[in-house]
Amino acid sequence: MATYHGITKAICLNCGKVTQEDTALEILNDLDPVCTGCNMHAIAWHTATGIVVTAQLDPDQEPTRYTILEEKGE
């Protein structure tokens, strides 16, 4: 399954916690995405077509978005 955003999995890049349940993914994505395991915002969002990382390394700045892998359709 996937959320309405197309997210299938979220992995915390700090502690490694994996979230795959749709409701938990929607809540994590819609709210301030801070890992419930370590309270950090460094998440790899997996979709059917790619991986995007959002990270807030400085608490005084907005999170930054990094596209890690994006598959192009044919």
N, C-alpha and C. Protein backbone atom coordinates (compact mmCIF):
# COMPACT_ATOMS: atom_id res chain seq x y z
N MET A 1 0.84 -1.18 0.00
CA MET A 1 0.00 0.00 0.00
C MET A 1 0.89 1.25 0.00
N ALA A 2 0.26 2.40 -0.08
CA ALA A 2 0.98 3.67 -0.06
C ALA A 2 0.03 4.75 0.45
N THR A 3 0.60 5.81 0.98
CA THR A 3 -0.21 6.93 1.44
C THR A 3 -0.73 7.71 0.24
N TYR A 4 -1.57 8.70 0.50
CA TYR A 4 -2.08 9.52 -0.60
C TYR A 4 -0.98 10.35 -1.24
N HIS A 5 0.18 10.46 -0.61
CA HIS A 5 1.33 11.12 -1.20
C HIS A 5 2.19 10.14 -2.00
N GLY A 6 1.86 8.86 -1.92
CA GLY A 6 2.64 7.84 -2.61
C GLY A 6 3.79 7.28 -1.79
N ILE A 7 3.86 7.63 -0.52
CA ILE A 7 4.95 7.17 0.35
C ILE A 7 4.67 5.73 0.77
N THR A 8 5.68 4.87 0.63
CA THR A 8 5.55 3.47 1.02
C THR A 8 6.35 3.12 2.27
N LYS A 9 7.38 3.93 2.56
CA LYS A 9 8.24 3.63 3.72
C LYS A 9 9.00 4.89 4.11
N ALA A 10 9.24 5.04 5.41
CA ALA A 10 10.08 6.13 5.91
C ALA A 10 11.13 5.52 6.83
N ILE A 11 12.38 5.94 6.64
CA ILE A 11 13.48 5.44 7.46
C ILE A 11 14.18 6.62 8.11
N CYS A 12 14.35 6.56 9.43
CA CYS A 12 15.12 7.59 10.13
C CYS A 12 16.60 7.36 9.85
N LEU A 13 17.26 8.37 9.34
CA LEU A 13 18.68 8.23 9.00
C LEU A 13 19.58 8.39 10.23
N ASN A 14 18.99 8.74 11.36
CA ASN A 14 19.76 8.85 12.59
C ASN A 14 19.77 7.54 13.37
N CYS A 15 18.59 6.96 13.62
CA CYS A 15 18.53 5.75 14.45
C CYS A 15 18.13 4.50 13.67
N GLY A 16 17.66 4.66 12.42
CA GLY A 16 17.32 3.51 11.59
C GLY A 16 15.90 3.01 11.73
N LYS A 17 15.05 3.70 12.52
CA LYS A 17 13.67 3.25 12.69
C LYS A 17 12.95 3.28 11.35
N VAL A 18 12.23 2.19 11.03
CA VAL A 18 11.50 2.07 9.77
C VAL A 18 10.01 2.14 10.06
N THR A 19 9.29 2.94 9.28
CA THR A 19 7.84 3.06 9.38
C THR A 19 7.25 2.69 8.03
N GLN A 20 6.31 1.74 8.03
CA GLN A 20 5.69 1.31 6.78
C GLN A 20 4.16 1.30 6.84
N GLU A 21 3.58 1.51 8.00
CA GLU A 21 2.13 1.50 8.14
C GLU A 21 1.57 2.81 7.63
N ASP A 22 0.57 2.74 6.74
CA ASP A 22 0.07 3.93 6.04
C ASP A 22 -0.36 5.06 6.98
N THR A 23 -1.12 4.76 8.02
CA THR A 23 -1.60 5.81 8.93
C THR A 23 -0.42 6.49 9.62
N ALA A 24 0.55 5.72 10.08
CA ALA A 24 1.73 6.29 10.74
C ALA A 24 2.54 7.15 9.76
N LEU A 25 2.63 6.72 8.50
CA LEU A 25 3.34 7.50 7.49
C LEU A 25 2.64 8.83 7.20
N GLU A 26 1.31 8.79 7.12
CA GLU A 26 0.55 10.01 6.88
C GLU A 26 0.72 11.01 8.02
N ILE A 27 0.66 10.52 9.25
CA ILE A 27 0.85 11.40 10.41
C ILE A 27 2.26 11.97 10.41
N LEU A 28 3.25 11.14 10.18
CA LEU A 28 4.65 11.59 10.15
C LEU A 28 4.86 12.64 9.07
N ASN A 29 4.27 12.43 7.90
CA ASN A 29 4.44 13.36 6.79
C ASN A 29 3.67 14.66 6.99
N ASP A 30 2.45 14.57 7.53
CA ASP A 30 1.61 15.76 7.68
C ASP A 30 2.03 16.66 8.84
N LEU A 31 2.56 16.08 9.89
CA LEU A 31 3.02 16.86 11.02
C LEU A 31 4.50 17.14 10.85
N ASP A 32 5.12 17.75 11.82
CA ASP A 32 6.56 17.97 11.78
C ASP A 32 7.22 16.59 11.84
N PRO A 33 7.88 16.16 10.76
CA PRO A 33 8.36 14.79 10.71
C PRO A 33 9.61 14.54 11.58
N VAL A 34 9.36 14.35 12.86
CA VAL A 34 10.43 14.04 13.79
C VAL A 34 10.28 12.58 14.19
N CYS A 35 11.34 11.83 14.13
CA CYS A 35 11.32 10.41 14.47
C CYS A 35 10.88 10.23 15.92
N THR A 36 9.96 9.30 16.14
CA THR A 36 9.51 9.02 17.50
C THR A 36 10.53 8.21 18.28
N GLY A 37 11.53 7.68 17.58
CA GLY A 37 12.57 6.90 18.25
C GLY A 37 13.70 7.75 18.81
N CYS A 38 14.10 8.81 18.06
CA CYS A 38 15.26 9.60 18.49
C CYS A 38 15.02 11.11 18.48
N ASN A 39 13.81 11.53 18.06
CA ASN A 39 13.43 12.94 18.05
C ASN A 39 14.25 13.79 17.08
N MET A 40 14.76 13.19 16.02
CA MET A 40 15.51 13.90 14.98
C MET A 40 14.67 13.97 13.71
N HIS A 41 14.94 14.99 12.89
CA HIS A 41 14.29 15.09 11.59
C HIS A 41 15.35 14.83 10.52
N ALA A 42 15.49 13.58 10.17
CA ALA A 42 16.37 13.14 9.08
C ALA A 42 15.73 11.86 8.51
N ILE A 43 14.78 12.06 7.60
CA ILE A 43 13.93 10.97 7.13
C ILE A 43 14.15 10.70 5.64
N ALA A 44 14.32 9.43 5.29
CA ALA A 44 14.35 9.00 3.89
C ALA A 44 12.96 8.49 3.56
N TRP A 45 12.28 9.21 2.66
CA TRP A 45 10.92 8.87 2.24
C TRP A 45 11.00 8.03 0.96
N HIS A 46 10.50 6.81 1.02
CA HIS A 46 10.52 5.92 -0.15
C HIS A 46 9.16 5.94 -0.83
N THR A 47 9.17 6.07 -2.15
CA THR A 47 7.96 5.97 -2.96
C THR A 47 8.21 4.91 -4.03
N ALA A 48 7.22 4.68 -4.85
CA ALA A 48 7.38 3.70 -5.93
C ALA A 48 8.40 4.16 -6.97
N THR A 49 8.66 5.46 -7.05
CA THR A 49 9.53 5.98 -8.10
C THR A 49 10.83 6.60 -7.59
N GLY A 50 11.04 6.67 -6.30
CA GLY A 50 12.28 7.28 -5.83
C GLY A 50 12.39 7.39 -4.33
N ILE A 51 13.45 8.04 -3.91
CA ILE A 51 13.72 8.28 -2.50
C ILE A 51 14.04 9.76 -2.35
N VAL A 52 13.37 10.40 -1.39
CA VAL A 52 13.64 11.79 -1.07
C VAL A 52 13.97 11.87 0.41
N VAL A 53 15.00 12.63 0.75
CA VAL A 53 15.38 12.82 2.15
C VAL A 53 15.03 14.24 2.56
N THR A 54 14.40 14.37 3.71
CA THR A 54 14.21 15.69 4.32
C THR A 54 14.95 15.67 5.65
N ALA A 55 15.69 16.74 5.91
CA ALA A 55 16.48 16.78 7.14
C ALA A 55 16.53 18.19 7.69
N GLN A 56 16.43 18.30 8.99
CA GLN A 56 16.57 19.57 9.68
C GLN A 56 17.76 19.41 10.62
N LEU A 57 18.94 19.76 10.11
CA LEU A 57 20.16 19.57 10.87
C LEU A 57 20.40 20.72 11.84
N ASP A 58 19.83 21.88 11.54
CA ASP A 58 19.93 23.05 12.42
C ASP A 58 18.52 23.37 12.90
N PRO A 59 18.25 23.31 14.21
CA PRO A 59 16.88 23.53 14.70
C PRO A 59 16.34 24.93 14.42
N ASP A 60 17.20 25.88 14.07
CA ASP A 60 16.76 27.23 13.77
C ASP A 60 16.43 27.46 12.30
N GLN A 61 16.60 26.43 11.47
CA GLN A 61 16.34 26.57 10.04
C GLN A 61 15.27 25.58 9.60
N GLU A 62 14.66 25.87 8.46
CA GLU A 62 13.66 24.97 7.87
C GLU A 62 14.36 23.69 7.37
N PRO A 63 13.63 22.57 7.31
CA PRO A 63 14.21 21.35 6.76
C PRO A 63 14.62 21.52 5.31
N THR A 64 15.65 20.82 4.92
CA THR A 64 16.13 20.82 3.54
C THR A 64 15.70 19.53 2.88
N ARG A 65 15.36 19.60 1.60
CA ARG A 65 14.92 18.42 0.84
C ARG A 65 16.03 18.01 -0.12
N TYR A 66 16.36 16.73 -0.13
CA TYR A 66 17.38 16.17 -1.02
C TYR A 66 16.76 15.03 -1.81
N THR A 67 16.85 15.07 -3.14
CA THR A 67 16.39 13.95 -3.95
C THR A 67 17.56 12.99 -4.11
N ILE A 68 17.39 11.79 -3.59
CA ILE A 68 18.46 10.80 -3.60
C ILE A 68 18.39 9.93 -4.85
N LEU A 69 17.20 9.47 -5.18
CA LEU A 69 17.02 8.58 -6.32
C LEU A 69 15.68 8.89 -6.94
N GLU A 70 15.67 9.12 -8.20
CA GLU A 70 14.41 9.35 -8.89
C GLU A 70 14.43 8.59 -10.20
N GLU A 71 13.54 7.64 -10.33
CA GLU A 71 13.46 6.86 -11.55
C GLU A 71 12.57 7.57 -12.54
N LYS A 72 13.01 7.65 -13.77
CA LYS A 72 12.23 8.29 -14.83
C LYS A 72 11.35 7.27 -15.51
N GLY A 73 10.13 7.67 -15.78
CA GLY A 73 9.21 6.78 -16.51
C GLY A 73 9.63 6.69 -17.97
N GLU A 74 9.26 5.62 -18.61
CA GLU A 74 9.63 5.45 -20.01
C GLU A 74 8.60 6.00 -20.95
